[in-house]
Amino acid sequence: MGKRFSPEFKREAVSLVLKQGLTIKQAAEDLGVGYSTLDKWLHRHREHEQDPNILDEAELAELKRLRKEVRVLRIERDLLKKTAVYFAKDSAEGSSS
């Protein structure tokens, strides 16, 4: 797996190209990242400017985490429902005897 860069680092890298006027090649070399990596960050930045509803990487990661948590919570809820039904039946049968 490749290196992970913080969202702040990516924003600063994009800023070097867009605001400081460095070429993608210069900025990538200065920062020690690949040309295609920085180009991808620029592409995502431009997409996000055109449509601010596009989620950034941190938001996508949180969304993925939350969806996984919801799946687990649903499984736990369903298990608790089944357990409650089982014990309710057991309790009803025990009191009628």
PDB file of N, CA and C in Angstrom:
ATOM      1  N   MET A   1       0.845  -1.171   0.000  1.00  0.00           N
ATOM      2  CA  MET A   1       0.000   0.000   0.000  1.00  0.00           C
ATOM      3  C   MET A   1       0.890   1.234   0.000  1.00  0.00           C
ATOM      4  N   GLY A   2       0.467   2.281  -0.684  1.00  0.00           N
ATOM      5  CA  GLY A   2       1.257   3.496  -0.811  1.00  0.00           C
ATOM      6  C   GLY A   2       1.232   4.347   0.435  1.00  0.00           C
ATOM      7  N   LYS A   3       1.986   5.424   0.354  1.00  0.00           N
ATOM      8  CA  LYS A   3       2.037   6.384   1.451  1.00  0.00           C
ATOM      9  C   LYS A   3       0.696   7.068   1.628  1.00  0.00           C
ATOM     10  N   ARG A   4       0.382   7.404   2.870  1.00  0.00           N
ATOM     11  CA  ARG A   4      -0.847   8.144   3.176  1.00  0.00           C
ATOM     12  C   ARG A   4      -0.477   9.585   3.479  1.00  0.00           C
ATOM     13  N   PHE A   5      -1.236  10.509   2.919  1.00  0.00           N
ATOM     14  CA  PHE A   5      -1.005  11.924   3.145  1.00  0.00           C
ATOM     15  C   PHE A   5      -2.245  12.534   3.773  1.00  0.00           C
ATOM     16  N   SER A   6      -2.026  13.437   4.698  1.00  0.00           N
ATOM     17  CA  SER A   6      -3.148  14.080   5.380  1.00  0.00           C
ATOM     18  C   SER A   6      -3.878  15.013   4.418  1.00  0.00           C
ATOM     19  N   PRO A   7      -5.147  15.277   4.697  1.00  0.00           N
ATOM     20  CA  PRO A   7      -5.888  16.231   3.859  1.00  0.00           C
ATOM     21  C   PRO A   7      -5.225  17.609   3.830  1.00  0.00           C
ATOM     22  N   GLU A   8      -4.617  18.011   4.943  1.00  0.00           N
ATOM     23  CA  GLU A   8      -3.936  19.307   4.997  1.00  0.00           C
ATOM     24  C   GLU A   8      -2.748  19.331   4.044  1.00  0.00           C
ATOM     25  N   PHE A   9      -1.986  18.247   4.020  1.00  0.00           N
ATOM     26  CA  PHE A   9      -0.838  18.148   3.126  1.00  0.00           C
ATOM     27  C   PHE A   9      -1.293  18.247   1.674  1.00  0.00           C
ATOM     28  N   LYS A  10      -2.369  17.546   1.361  1.00  0.00           N
ATOM     29  CA  LYS A  10      -2.883  17.568  -0.012  1.00  0.00           C
ATOM     30  C   LYS A  10      -3.337  18.970  -0.400  1.00  0.00           C
ATOM     31  N   ARG A  11      -4.029  19.663   0.524  1.00  0.00           N
ATOM     32  CA  ARG A  11      -4.473  21.036   0.241  1.00  0.00           C
ATOM     33  C   ARG A  11      -3.287  21.953  -0.010  1.00  0.00           C
ATOM     34  N   GLU A  12      -2.247  21.814   0.801  1.00  0.00           N
ATOM     35  CA  GLU A  12      -1.049  22.640   0.627  1.00  0.00           C
ATOM     36  C   GLU A  12      -0.367  22.329  -0.707  1.00  0.00           C
ATOM     37  N   ALA A  13      -0.327  21.067  -1.068  1.00  0.00           N
ATOM     38  CA  ALA A  13       0.285  20.678  -2.343  1.00  0.00           C
ATOM     39  C   ALA A  13      -0.480  21.283  -3.514  1.00  0.00           C
ATOM     40  N   VAL A  14      -1.797  21.208  -3.451  1.00  0.00           N
ATOM     41  CA  VAL A  14      -2.638  21.796  -4.499  1.00  0.00           C
ATOM     42  C   VAL A  14      -2.435  23.302  -4.546  1.00  0.00           C
ATOM     43  N   SER A  15      -2.299  23.920  -3.393  1.00  0.00           N
ATOM     44  CA  SER A  15      -2.097  25.359  -3.305  1.00  0.00           C
ATOM     45  C   SER A  15      -0.790  25.782  -3.969  1.00  0.00           C
ATOM     46  N   LEU A  16       0.241  24.955  -3.841  1.00  0.00           N
ATOM     47  CA  LEU A  16       1.514  25.281  -4.493  1.00  0.00           C
ATOM     48  C   LEU A  16       1.342  25.437  -5.999  1.00  0.00           C
ATOM     49  N   VAL A  17       0.512  24.607  -6.566  1.00  0.00           N
ATOM     50  CA  VAL A  17       0.296  24.664  -8.017  1.00  0.00           C
ATOM     51  C   VAL A  17      -0.660  25.796  -8.382  1.00  0.00           C
ATOM     52  N   LEU A  18      -1.774  25.879  -7.668  1.00  0.00           N
ATOM     53  CA  LEU A  18      -2.809  26.833  -8.048  1.00  0.00           C
ATOM     54  C   LEU A  18      -2.503  28.270  -7.624  1.00  0.00           C
ATOM     55  N   LYS A  19      -1.928  28.451  -6.448  1.00  0.00           N
ATOM     56  CA  LYS A  19      -1.722  29.805  -5.940  1.00  0.00           C
ATOM     57  C   LYS A  19      -0.287  30.280  -6.059  1.00  0.00           C
ATOM     58  N   GLN A  20       0.666  29.362  -5.942  1.00  0.00           N
ATOM     59  CA  GLN A  20       2.079  29.748  -6.011  1.00  0.00           C
ATOM     60  C   GLN A  20       2.627  29.680  -7.432  1.00  0.00           C
ATOM     61  N   GLY A  21       1.886  29.032  -8.324  1.00  0.00           N
ATOM     62  CA  GLY A  21       2.287  28.999  -9.724  1.00  0.00           C
ATOM     63  C   GLY A  21       3.317  27.946 -10.089  1.00  0.00           C
ATOM     64  N   LEU A  22       3.599  27.013  -9.188  1.00  0.00           N
ATOM     65  CA  LEU A  22       4.533  25.951  -9.528  1.00  0.00           C
ATOM     66  C   LEU A  22       3.873  24.997 -10.519  1.00  0.00           C
ATOM     67  N   THR A  23       4.696  24.363 -11.334  1.00  0.00           N
ATOM     68  CA  THR A  23       4.150  23.325 -12.209  1.00  0.00           C
ATOM     69  C   THR A  23       3.891  22.089 -11.350  1.00  0.00           C
ATOM     70  N   ILE A  24       3.079  21.200 -11.876  1.00  0.00           N
ATOM     71  CA  ILE A  24       2.791  19.966 -11.149  1.00  0.00           C
ATOM     72  C   ILE A  24       4.097  19.217 -10.917  1.00  0.00           C
ATOM     73  N   LYS A  25       4.938  19.174 -11.928  1.00  0.00           N
ATOM     74  CA  LYS A  25       6.213  18.460 -11.825  1.00  0.00           C
ATOM     75  C   LYS A  25       7.086  19.060 -10.728  1.00  0.00           C
ATOM     76  N   GLN A  26       7.202  20.397 -10.703  1.00  0.00           N
ATOM     77  CA  GLN A  26       8.033  21.058  -9.689  1.00  0.00           C
ATOM     78  C   GLN A  26       7.509  20.780  -8.284  1.00  0.00           C
ATOM     79  N   ALA A  27       6.210  20.969  -8.100  1.00  0.00           N
ATOM     80  CA  ALA A  27       5.613  20.774  -6.778  1.00  0.00           C
ATOM     81  C   ALA A  27       5.758  19.319  -6.333  1.00  0.00           C
ATOM     82  N   ALA A  28       5.512  18.396  -7.243  1.00  0.00           N
ATOM     83  CA  ALA A  28       5.613  16.971  -6.902  1.00  0.00           C
ATOM     84  C   ALA A  28       7.040  16.627  -6.481  1.00  0.00           C
ATOM     85  N   GLU A  29       8.022  17.124  -7.214  1.00  0.00           N
ATOM     86  CA  GLU A  29       9.420  16.856  -6.861  1.00  0.00           C
ATOM     87  C   GLU A  29       9.779  17.496  -5.525  1.00  0.00           C
ATOM     88  N   ASP A  30       9.354  18.736  -5.315  1.00  0.00           N
ATOM     89  CA  ASP A  30       9.656  19.435  -4.062  1.00  0.00           C
ATOM     90  C   ASP A  30       9.061  18.718  -2.853  1.00  0.00           C
ATOM     91  N   LEU A  31       7.887  18.157  -3.042  1.00  0.00           N
ATOM     92  CA  LEU A  31       7.178  17.510  -1.935  1.00  0.00           C
ATOM     93  C   LEU A  31       7.488  16.015  -1.800  1.00  0.00           C
ATOM     94  N   GLY A  32       8.124  15.459  -2.810  1.00  0.00           N
ATOM     95  CA  GLY A  32       8.444  14.035  -2.759  1.00  0.00           C
ATOM     96  C   GLY A  32       7.247  13.142  -3.029  1.00  0.00           C
ATOM     97  N   VAL A  33       6.318  13.632  -3.857  1.00  0.00           N
ATOM     98  CA  VAL A  33       5.170  12.812  -4.255  1.00  0.00           C
ATOM     99  C   VAL A  33       5.237  12.593  -5.751  1.00  0.00           C
ATOM    100  N   GLY A  34       4.529  11.604  -6.219  1.00  0.00           N
ATOM    101  CA  GLY A  34       4.518  11.321  -7.641  1.00  0.00           C
ATOM    102  C   GLY A  34       3.717  12.363  -8.420  1.00  0.00           C
ATOM    103  N   TYR A  35       4.121  12.557  -9.656  1.00  0.00           N
ATOM    104  CA  TYR A  35       3.421  13.500 -10.534  1.00  0.00           C
ATOM    105  C   TYR A  35       1.953  13.125 -10.642  1.00  0.00           C
ATOM    106  N   SER A  36       1.676  11.850 -10.892  1.00  0.00           N
ATOM    107  CA  SER A  36       0.283  11.416 -11.084  1.00  0.00           C
ATOM    108  C   SER A  36      -0.530  11.570  -9.798  1.00  0.00           C
ATOM    109  N   THR A  37       0.123  11.415  -8.660  1.00  0.00           N
ATOM    110  CA  THR A  37      -0.564  11.587  -7.380  1.00  0.00           C
ATOM    111  C   THR A  37      -1.028  13.030  -7.223  1.00  0.00           C
ATOM    112  N   LEU A  38      -0.117  13.974  -7.438  1.00  0.00           N
ATOM    113  CA  LEU A  38      -0.461  15.385  -7.314  1.00  0.00           C
ATOM    114  C   LEU A  38      -1.488  15.781  -8.367  1.00  0.00           C
ATOM    115  N   ASP A  39      -1.366  15.241  -9.553  1.00  0.00           N
ATOM    116  CA  ASP A  39      -2.336  15.529 -10.614  1.00  0.00           C
ATOM    117  C   ASP A  39      -3.726  15.049 -10.203  1.00  0.00           C
ATOM    118  N   LYS A  40      -3.798  13.901  -9.560  1.00  0.00           N
ATOM    119  CA  LYS A  40      -5.078  13.363  -9.081  1.00  0.00           C
ATOM    120  C   LYS A  40      -5.673  14.281  -8.011  1.00  0.00           C
ATOM    121  N   TRP A  41      -4.824  14.781  -7.101  1.00  0.00           N
ATOM    122  CA  TRP A  41      -5.306  15.695  -6.068  1.00  0.00           C
ATOM    123  C   TRP A  41      -5.855  16.974  -6.683  1.00  0.00           C
ATOM    124  N   LEU A  42      -5.175  17.472  -7.716  1.00  0.00           N
ATOM    125  CA  LEU A  42      -5.653  18.675  -8.408  1.00  0.00           C
ATOM    126  C   LEU A  42      -6.990  18.417  -9.085  1.00  0.00           C
ATOM    127  N   HIS A  43      -7.110  17.266  -9.701  1.00  0.00           N
ATOM    128  CA  HIS A  43      -8.359  16.905 -10.376  1.00  0.00           C
ATOM    129  C   HIS A  43      -9.508  16.859  -9.372  1.00  0.00           C
ATOM    130  N   ARG A  44      -9.274  16.222  -8.226  1.00  0.00           N
ATOM    131  CA  ARG A  44     -10.316  16.148  -7.190  1.00  0.00           C
ATOM    132  C   ARG A  44     -10.669  17.534  -6.661  1.00  0.00           C
ATOM    133  N   HIS A  45      -9.656  18.372  -6.494  1.00  0.00           N
ATOM    134  CA  HIS A  45      -9.895  19.734  -6.015  1.00  0.00           C
ATOM    135  C   HIS A  45     -10.791  20.491  -6.992  1.00  0.00           C
ATOM    136  N   ARG A  46     -10.487  20.373  -8.267  1.00  0.00           N
ATOM    137  CA  ARG A  46     -11.282  21.074  -9.287  1.00  0.00           C
ATOM    138  C   ARG A  46     -12.709  20.526  -9.338  1.00  0.00           C
ATOM    139  N   GLU A  47     -12.855  19.208  -9.198  1.00  0.00           N
ATOM    140  CA  GLU A  47     -14.199  18.613  -9.158  1.00  0.00           C
ATOM    141  C   GLU A  47     -14.987  19.154  -7.969  1.00  0.00           C
ATOM    142  N   HIS A  48     -14.317  19.236  -6.834  1.00  0.00           N
ATOM    143  CA  HIS A  48     -14.982  19.702  -5.615  1.00  0.00           C
ATOM    144  C   HIS A  48     -15.390  21.170  -5.745  1.00  0.00           C
ATOM    145  N   GLU A  49     -14.568  21.970  -6.439  1.00  0.00           N
ATOM    146  CA  GLU A  49     -14.931  23.377  -6.658  1.00  0.00           C
ATOM    147  C   GLU A  49     -16.172  23.480  -7.537  1.00  0.00           C
ATOM    148  N   GLN A  50     -16.295  22.601  -8.531  1.00  0.00           N
ATOM    149  CA  GLN A  50     -17.436  22.627  -9.431  1.00  0.00           C
ATOM    150  C   GLN A  50     -18.697  22.125  -8.731  1.00  0.00           C
ATOM    151  N   ASP A  51     -18.541  21.135  -7.875  1.00  0.00           N
ATOM    152  CA  ASP A  51     -19.687  20.577  -7.147  1.00  0.00           C
ATOM    153  C   ASP A  51     -19.295  20.390  -5.689  1.00  0.00           C
ATOM    154  N   PRO A  52     -19.604  21.373  -4.840  1.00  0.00           N
ATOM    155  CA  PRO A  52     -19.197  21.294  -3.441  1.00  0.00           C
ATOM    156  C   PRO A  52     -19.836  20.143  -2.662  1.00  0.00           C
ATOM    157  N   ASN A  53     -20.813  19.471  -3.250  1.00  0.00           N
ATOM    158  CA  ASN A  53     -21.442  18.333  -2.575  1.00  0.00           C
ATOM    159  C   ASN A  53     -20.611  17.059  -2.679  1.00  0.00           C
ATOM    160  N   ILE A  54     -19.555  17.089  -3.494  1.00  0.00           N
ATOM    161  CA  ILE A  54     -18.677  15.933  -3.615  1.00  0.00           C
ATOM    162  C   ILE A  54     -17.913  15.783  -2.305  1.00  0.00           C
ATOM    163  N   LEU A  55     -17.860  14.576  -1.782  1.00  0.00           N
ATOM    164  CA  LEU A  55     -17.193  14.316  -0.506  1.00  0.00           C
ATOM    165  C   LEU A  55     -15.691  14.185  -0.705  1.00  0.00           C
ATOM    166  N   ASP A  56     -14.933  14.724   0.248  1.00  0.00           N
ATOM    167  CA  ASP A  56     -13.486  14.539   0.181  1.00  0.00           C
ATOM    168  C   ASP A  56     -13.132  13.199   0.821  1.00  0.00           C
ATOM    169  N   GLU A  57     -11.847  12.858   0.823  1.00  0.00           N
ATOM    170  CA  GLU A  57     -11.429  11.539   1.303  1.00  0.00           C
ATOM    171  C   GLU A  57     -11.780  11.313   2.768  1.00  0.00           C
ATOM    172  N   ALA A  58     -11.603  12.319   3.597  1.00  0.00           N
ATOM    173  CA  ALA A  58     -11.913  12.168   5.020  1.00  0.00           C
ATOM    174  C   ALA A  58     -13.404  11.910   5.216  1.00  0.00           C
ATOM    175  N   GLU A  59     -14.225  12.623   4.461  1.00  0.00           N
ATOM    176  CA  GLU A  59     -15.674  12.437   4.562  1.00  0.00           C
ATOM    177  C   GLU A  59     -16.081  11.063   4.043  1.00  0.00           C
ATOM    178  N   LEU A  60     -15.443  10.625   2.965  1.00  0.00           N
ATOM    179  CA  LEU A  60     -15.744   9.287   2.438  1.00  0.00           C
ATOM    180  C   LEU A  60     -15.356   8.210   3.441  1.00  0.00           C
ATOM    181  N   ALA A  61     -14.211   8.382   4.095  1.00  0.00           N
ATOM    182  CA  ALA A  61     -13.775   7.407   5.095  1.00  0.00           C
ATOM    183  C   ALA A  61     -14.751   7.364   6.263  1.00  0.00           C
ATOM    184  N   GLU A  62     -15.214   8.540   6.702  1.00  0.00           N
ATOM    185  CA  GLU A  62     -16.175   8.574   7.802  1.00  0.00           C
ATOM    186  C   GLU A  62     -17.498   7.942   7.385  1.00  0.00           C
ATOM    187  N   LEU A  63     -17.937   8.219   6.170  1.00  0.00           N
ATOM    188  CA  LEU A  63     -19.175   7.625   5.671  1.00  0.00           C
ATOM    189  C   LEU A  63     -19.069   6.099   5.656  1.00  0.00           C
ATOM    190  N   LYS A  64     -17.942   5.589   5.183  1.00  0.00           N
ATOM    191  CA  LYS A  64     -17.724   4.141   5.142  1.00  0.00           C
ATOM    192  C   LYS A  64     -17.762   3.558   6.558  1.00  0.00           C
ATOM    193  N   ARG A  65     -17.088   4.236   7.507  1.00  0.00           N
ATOM    194  CA  ARG A  65     -17.067   3.779   8.896  1.00  0.00           C
ATOM    195  C   ARG A  65     -18.471   3.774   9.491  1.00  0.00           C
ATOM    196  N   LEU A  66     -19.217   4.835   9.236  1.00  0.00           N
ATOM    197  CA  LEU A  66     -20.571   4.937   9.779  1.00  0.00           C
ATOM    198  C   LEU A  66     -21.507   3.897   9.183  1.00  0.00           C
ATOM    199  N   ARG A  67     -21.365   3.627   7.895  1.00  0.00           N
ATOM    200  CA  ARG A  67     -22.195   2.591   7.271  1.00  0.00           C
ATOM    201  C   ARG A  67     -21.911   1.224   7.874  1.00  0.00           C
ATOM    202  N   LYS A  68     -20.635   0.954   8.140  1.00  0.00           N
ATOM    203  CA  LYS A  68     -20.269  -0.319   8.772  1.00  0.00           C
ATOM    204  C   LYS A  68     -20.871  -0.385  10.169  1.00  0.00           C
ATOM    205  N   GLU A  69     -20.788   0.717  10.917  1.00  0.00           N
ATOM    206  CA  GLU A  69     -21.352   0.758  12.263  1.00  0.00           C
ATOM    207  C   GLU A  69     -22.866   0.539  12.226  1.00  0.00           C
ATOM    208  N   VAL A  70     -23.546   1.110  11.256  1.00  0.00           N
ATOM    209  CA  VAL A  70     -24.996   0.926  11.128  1.00  0.00           C
ATOM    210  C   VAL A  70     -25.312  -0.542  10.865  1.00  0.00           C
ATOM    211  N   ARG A  71     -24.532  -1.198  10.004  1.00  0.00           N
ATOM    212  CA  ARG A  71     -24.750  -2.626   9.735  1.00  0.00           C
ATOM    213  C   ARG A  71     -24.633  -3.437  11.020  1.00  0.00           C
ATOM    214  N   VAL A  72     -23.592  -3.165  11.802  1.00  0.00           N
ATOM    215  CA  VAL A  72     -23.384  -3.897  13.055  1.00  0.00           C
ATOM    216  C   VAL A  72     -24.530  -3.630  14.021  1.00  0.00           C
ATOM    217  N   LEU A  73     -24.934  -2.382  14.137  1.00  0.00           N
ATOM    218  CA  LEU A  73     -26.031  -2.039  15.055  1.00  0.00           C
ATOM    219  C   LEU A  73     -27.338  -2.705  14.642  1.00  0.00           C
ATOM    220  N   ARG A  74     -27.587  -2.804  13.341  1.00  0.00           N
ATOM    221  CA  ARG A  74     -28.806  -3.480  12.870  1.00  0.00           C
ATOM    222  C   ARG A  74     -28.777  -4.960  13.217  1.00  0.00           C
ATOM    223  N   ILE A  75     -27.609  -5.571  13.057  1.00  0.00           N
ATOM    224  CA  ILE A  75     -27.478  -6.991  13.410  1.00  0.00           C
ATOM    225  C   ILE A  75     -27.730  -7.176  14.905  1.00  0.00           C
ATOM    226  N   GLU A  76     -27.127  -6.303  15.710  1.00  0.00           N
ATOM    227  CA  GLU A  76     -27.324  -6.398  17.165  1.00  0.00           C
ATOM    228  C   GLU A  76     -28.790  -6.176  17.537  1.00  0.00           C
ATOM    229  N   ARG A  77     -29.436  -5.203  16.899  1.00  0.00           N
ATOM    230  CA  ARG A  77     -30.852  -4.929  17.173  1.00  0.00           C
ATOM    231  C   ARG A  77     -31.708  -6.146  16.840  1.00  0.00           C
ATOM    232  N   ASP A  78     -31.471  -6.735  15.678  1.00  0.00           N
ATOM    233  CA  ASP A  78     -32.253  -7.899  15.263  1.00  0.00           C
ATOM    234  C   ASP A  78     -32.039  -9.073  16.217  1.00  0.00           C
ATOM    235  N   LEU A  79     -30.803  -9.238  16.666  1.00  0.00           N
ATOM    236  CA  LEU A  79     -30.519 -10.306  17.622  1.00  0.00           C
ATOM    237  C   LEU A  79     -31.248 -10.051  18.946  1.00  0.00           C
ATOM    238  N   LEU A  80     -31.246  -8.812  19.400  1.00  0.00           N
ATOM    239  CA  LEU A  80     -31.956  -8.482  20.643  1.00  0.00           C
ATOM    240  C   LEU A  80     -33.465  -8.706  20.506  1.00  0.00           C
ATOM    241  N   LYS A  81     -34.020  -8.382  19.349  1.00  0.00           N
ATOM    242  CA  LYS A  81     -35.449  -8.622  19.123  1.00  0.00           C
ATOM    243  C   LYS A  81     -35.764 -10.114  19.222  1.00  0.00           C
ATOM    244  N   LYS A  82     -34.937 -10.925  18.567  1.00  0.00           N
ATOM    245  CA  LYS A  82     -35.156 -12.373  18.585  1.00  0.00           C
ATOM    246  C   LYS A  82     -35.008 -12.926  19.995  1.00  0.00           C
ATOM    247  N   THR A  83     -34.023 -12.409  20.724  1.00  0.00           N
ATOM    248  CA  THR A  83     -33.810 -12.849  22.096  1.00  0.00           C
ATOM    249  C   THR A  83     -34.999 -12.472  22.970  1.00  0.00           C
ATOM    250  N   ALA A  84     -35.521 -11.260  22.793  1.00  0.00           N
ATOM    251  CA  ALA A  84     -36.680 -10.814  23.582  1.00  0.00           C
ATOM    252  C   ALA A  84     -37.886 -11.684  23.293  1.00  0.00           C
ATOM    253  N   VAL A  85     -38.112 -12.022  22.031  1.00  0.00           N
ATOM    254  CA  VAL A  85     -39.237 -12.889  21.662  1.00  0.00           C
ATOM    255  C   VAL A  85     -39.059 -14.262  22.303  1.00  0.00           C
ATOM    256  N   TYR A  86     -37.852 -14.797  22.256  1.00  0.00           N
ATOM    257  CA  TYR A  86     -37.581 -16.119  22.839  1.00  0.00           C
ATOM    258  C   TYR A  86     -37.880 -16.115  24.327  1.00  0.00           C
ATOM    259  N   PHE A  87     -37.362 -15.116  25.037  1.00  0.00           N
ATOM    260  CA  PHE A  87     -37.583 -15.070  26.487  1.00  0.00           C
ATOM    261  C   PHE A  87     -39.034 -14.748  26.838  1.00  0.00           C
ATOM    262  N   ALA A  88     -39.702 -13.994  26.003  1.00  0.00           N
ATOM    263  CA  ALA A  88     -41.121 -13.713  26.251  1.00  0.00           C
ATOM    264  C   ALA A  88     -41.933 -14.994  26.132  1.00  0.00           C
ATOM    265  N   LYS A  89     -41.625 -15.810  25.120  1.00  0.00           N
ATOM    266  CA  LYS A  89     -42.316 -17.096  24.961  1.00  0.00           C
ATOM    267  C   LYS A  89     -42.009 -18.011  26.135  1.00  0.00           C
ATOM    268  N   ASP A  90     -40.748 -18.080  26.519  1.00  0.00           N
ATOM    269  CA  ASP A  90     -40.319 -18.932  27.612  1.00  0.00           C
ATOM    270  C   ASP A  90     -40.985 -18.497  28.913  1.00  0.00           C
ATOM    271  N   SER A  91     -41.075 -17.204  29.117  1.00  0.00           N
ATOM    272  CA  SER A  91     -41.695 -16.674  30.324  1.00  0.00           C
ATOM    273  C   SER A  91     -43.199 -16.968  30.333  1.00  0.00           C
ATOM    274  N   ALA A  92     -43.839 -16.821  29.176  1.00  0.00           N
ATOM    275  CA  ALA A  92     -45.279 -17.081  29.070  1.00  0.00           C
ATOM    276  C   ALA A  92     -45.577 -18.551  29.322  1.00  0.00           C
ATOM    277  N   GLU A  93     -44.746 -19.439  28.786  1.00  0.00           N
ATOM    278  CA  GLU A  93     -44.942 -20.872  28.986  1.00  0.00           C
ATOM    279  C   GLU A  93     -44.710 -21.260  30.438  1.00  0.00           C
ATOM    280  N   GLY A  94     -43.768 -20.621  31.079  1.00  0.00           N
ATOM    281  CA  GLY A  94     -43.440 -20.915  32.470  1.00  0.00           C
ATOM    282  C   GLY A  94     -44.530 -20.438  33.417  1.00  0.00           C
ATOM    283  N   SER A  95     -45.207 -19.353  33.109  1.00  0.00           N
ATOM    284  CA  SER A  95     -46.240 -18.837  34.004  1.00  0.00           C
ATOM    285  C   SER A  95     -47.568 -19.570  33.826  1.00  0.00           C
ATOM    286  N   SER A  96     -47.775 -20.222  32.692  1.00  0.00           N
ATOM    287  CA  SER A  96     -49.034 -20.930  32.468  1.00  0.00           C
ATOM    288  C   SER A  96     -49.034 -22.321  33.071  1.00  0.00           C
ATOM    289  N   SER A  97     -47.873 -22.789  33.497  1.00  0.00           N
ATOM    290  CA  SER A  97     -47.793 -24.132  34.079  1.00  0.00           C
ATOM    291  C   SER A  97     -48.197 -24.191  35.501  1.00  0.00           C
TER     292      SER A  97
END
